Amino acid sequence: DEVEAKVVHKQLCDLIERGHPAIVGEEFKALNLVLSIFAQLLESIDDLNCGLPDSILDVETRQQIITITKQIQTQVSNERVQGAWSCLSEEQQNAFQR
């Protein structure tokens, strides 16, 4: 359900933020999967329904995703970031632009 989804997405973001190797891999080798998950979450919501009871993502976690994505761009090698970014579809890339 939506309430549980919000909790799980928050926990996932916390693990990613801490760089948990089981989630992000050694040296962020799973970055393409992380960005893909983030894109799917961002695609599922928009500014109007984020945080509403039927949304799977709350406002704080949406902001956490944006913050983590920005941190990744400065903390992970440009080559790895570009490689992961290129694995995303155009729609997924656009989800980060909203």
C-alpha atoms as a PDB file:
ATOM      1  CA  ASP A   1       0.000   0.000   0.000  1.00  0.00           C
ATOM      2  CA  GLU A   2       0.975   3.651  -0.299  1.00  0.00           C
ATOM      3  CA  VAL A   3       1.866   4.129   3.364  1.00  0.00           C
ATOM      4  CA  GLU A   4       4.242   1.182   3.330  1.00  0.00           C
ATOM      5  CA  ALA A   5       5.712   2.306   0.004  1.00  0.00           C
ATOM      6  CA  LYS A   6       6.589   5.688   1.484  1.00  0.00           C
ATOM      7  CA  VAL A   7       8.372   4.033   4.417  1.00  0.00           C
ATOM      8  CA  VAL A   8      10.304   1.629   2.187  1.00  0.00           C
ATOM      9  CA  HIS A   9      11.319   4.383  -0.249  1.00  0.00           C
ATOM     10  CA  LYS A  10      12.580   6.502   2.652  1.00  0.00           C
ATOM     11  CA  GLN A  11      14.590   3.552   4.006  1.00  0.00           C
ATOM     12  CA  LEU A  12      16.032   2.872   0.560  1.00  0.00           C
ATOM     13  CA  CYS A  13      17.109   6.505   0.244  1.00  0.00           C
ATOM     14  CA  ASP A  14      18.743   6.357   3.671  1.00  0.00           C
ATOM     15  CA  LEU A  15      20.748   3.275   2.639  1.00  0.00           C
ATOM     16  CA  ILE A  16      21.780   4.867  -0.652  1.00  0.00           C
ATOM     17  CA  GLU A  17      22.747   8.078   1.108  1.00  0.00           C
ATOM     18  CA  ARG A  18      25.021   6.098   3.419  1.00  0.00           C
ATOM     19  CA  GLY A  19      26.516   4.310   0.413  1.00  0.00           C
ATOM     20  CA  HIS A  20      25.524   0.874   1.687  1.00  0.00           C
ATOM     21  CA  PRO A  21      27.500  -1.542  -0.509  1.00  0.00           C
ATOM     22  CA  ALA A  22      24.658  -4.087  -0.671  1.00  0.00           C
ATOM     23  CA  ILE A  23      22.535  -1.417  -2.359  1.00  0.00           C
ATOM     24  CA  VAL A  24      24.934   0.737  -4.375  1.00  0.00           C
ATOM     25  CA  GLY A  25      27.725  -1.780  -4.895  1.00  0.00           C
ATOM     26  CA  GLU A  26      31.408  -1.213  -4.339  1.00  0.00           C
ATOM     27  CA  GLU A  27      32.360   2.276  -5.513  1.00  0.00           C
ATOM     28  CA  PHE A  28      28.776   2.839  -6.726  1.00  0.00           C
ATOM     29  CA  LYS A  29      29.000   0.104  -9.380  1.00  0.00           C
ATOM     30  CA  ALA A  30      25.193  -0.248  -9.175  1.00  0.00           C
ATOM     31  CA  LEU A  31      24.673   3.455  -9.883  1.00  0.00           C
ATOM     32  CA  ASN A  32      22.683   2.722 -13.034  1.00  0.00           C
ATOM     33  CA  LEU A  33      20.191   0.708 -10.944  1.00  0.00           C
ATOM     34  CA  VAL A  34      19.999   3.421  -8.292  1.00  0.00           C
ATOM     35  CA  LEU A  35      19.284   6.105 -10.891  1.00  0.00           C
ATOM     36  CA  SER A  36      16.749   3.850 -12.594  1.00  0.00           C
ATOM     37  CA  ILE A  37      14.869   3.324  -9.324  1.00  0.00           C
ATOM     38  CA  PHE A  38      14.979   7.044  -8.573  1.00  0.00           C
ATOM     39  CA  ALA A  39      13.678   7.815 -12.064  1.00  0.00           C
ATOM     40  CA  GLN A  40      10.805   5.355 -11.668  1.00  0.00           C
ATOM     41  CA  LEU A  41       9.847   6.950  -8.371  1.00  0.00           C
ATOM     42  CA  LEU A  42      10.050  10.461  -9.766  1.00  0.00           C
ATOM     43  CA  GLU A  43       8.052   9.441 -12.859  1.00  0.00           C
ATOM     44  CA  SER A  44       5.291   8.052 -10.640  1.00  0.00           C
ATOM     45  CA  ILE A  45       4.615  11.396  -8.997  1.00  0.00           C
ATOM     46  CA  ASP A  46       4.377  15.030  -9.910  1.00  0.00           C
ATOM     47  CA  ASP A  47       4.317  18.269  -7.938  1.00  0.00           C
ATOM     48  CA  LEU A  48       0.557  18.003  -7.506  1.00  0.00           C
ATOM     49  CA  ASN A  49       0.307  14.513  -6.019  1.00  0.00           C
ATOM     50  CA  CYS A  50       3.610  14.248  -4.139  1.00  0.00           C
ATOM     51  CA  GLY A  51       2.828  13.793  -0.477  1.00  0.00           C
ATOM     52  CA  LEU A  52      -0.872  13.115  -0.971  1.00  0.00           C
ATOM     53  CA  PRO A  53      -2.264  10.011   0.743  1.00  0.00           C
ATOM     54  CA  ASP A  54      -2.405   8.019  -2.517  1.00  0.00           C
ATOM     55  CA  SER A  55       1.157   8.963  -3.543  1.00  0.00           C
ATOM     56  CA  ILE A  56       3.945   6.415  -3.112  1.00  0.00           C
ATOM     57  CA  LEU A  57       6.453   9.147  -2.289  1.00  0.00           C
ATOM     58  CA  ASP A  58       6.315  11.922   0.264  1.00  0.00           C
ATOM     59  CA  VAL A  59       7.718  15.407  -0.208  1.00  0.00           C
ATOM     60  CA  GLU A  60      10.713  14.815   2.077  1.00  0.00           C
ATOM     61  CA  THR A  61      11.786  11.643   0.289  1.00  0.00           C
ATOM     62  CA  ARG A  62      11.382  13.297  -3.105  1.00  0.00           C
ATOM     63  CA  GLN A  63      13.724  16.051  -1.915  1.00  0.00           C
ATOM     64  CA  GLN A  64      16.098  13.430  -0.518  1.00  0.00           C
ATOM     65  CA  ILE A  65      16.237  11.760  -3.959  1.00  0.00           C
ATOM     66  CA  ILE A  66      17.104  15.086  -5.566  1.00  0.00           C
ATOM     67  CA  THR A  67      19.768  15.808  -2.939  1.00  0.00           C
ATOM     68  CA  ILE A  68      21.315  12.336  -3.251  1.00  0.00           C
ATOM     69  CA  THR A  69      21.407  12.668  -7.038  1.00  0.00           C
ATOM     70  CA  LYS A  70      23.255  15.980  -6.755  1.00  0.00           C
ATOM     71  CA  GLN A  71      25.690  14.502  -4.223  1.00  0.00           C
ATOM     72  CA  ILE A  72      26.371  11.542  -6.499  1.00  0.00           C
ATOM     73  CA  GLN A  73      27.306  13.920  -9.309  1.00  0.00           C
ATOM     74  CA  THR A  74      30.015  15.477  -7.141  1.00  0.00           C
ATOM     75  CA  GLN A  75      31.208  12.384  -5.242  1.00  0.00           C
ATOM     76  CA  VAL A  76      31.252   9.671  -7.913  1.00  0.00           C
ATOM     77  CA  SER A  77      33.557   9.691 -10.903  1.00  0.00           C
ATOM     78  CA  ASN A  78      32.233  11.558 -13.917  1.00  0.00           C
ATOM     79  CA  GLU A  79      32.815   8.470 -16.061  1.00  0.00           C
ATOM     80  CA  ARG A  80      30.610   6.304 -13.810  1.00  0.00           C
ATOM     81  CA  VAL A  81      27.887   8.963 -13.593  1.00  0.00           C
ATOM     82  CA  GLN A  82      27.826   9.444 -17.370  1.00  0.00           C
ATOM     83  CA  GLY A  83      27.768   5.692 -17.931  1.00  0.00           C
ATOM     84  CA  ALA A  84      24.837   5.235 -15.560  1.00  0.00           C
ATOM     85  CA  TRP A  85      23.011   8.248 -16.999  1.00  0.00           C
ATOM     86  CA  SER A  86      23.356   6.866 -20.518  1.00  0.00           C
ATOM     87  CA  CYS A  87      21.575   3.671 -19.408  1.00  0.00           C
ATOM     88  CA  LEU A  88      18.427   5.673 -18.616  1.00  0.00           C
ATOM     89  CA  SER A  89      15.713   6.199 -21.188  1.00  0.00           C
ATOM     90  CA  GLU A  90      14.885   9.723 -22.281  1.00  0.00           C
ATOM     91  CA  GLU A  91      11.729   9.604 -20.151  1.00  0.00           C
ATOM     92  CA  GLN A  92      13.740   8.547 -17.113  1.00  0.00           C
ATOM     93  CA  GLN A  93      16.259  11.324 -17.663  1.00  0.00           C
ATOM     94  CA  ASN A  94      13.402  13.821 -17.974  1.00  0.00           C
ATOM     95  CA  ALA A  95      12.005  12.685 -14.623  1.00  0.00           C
ATOM     96  CA  PHE A  96      15.042  14.272 -12.952  1.00  0.00           C
ATOM     97  CA  GLN A  97      14.348  17.575 -14.731  1.00  0.00           C
ATOM     98  CA  ARG A  98      10.875  18.127 -13.236  1.00  0.00           C
END
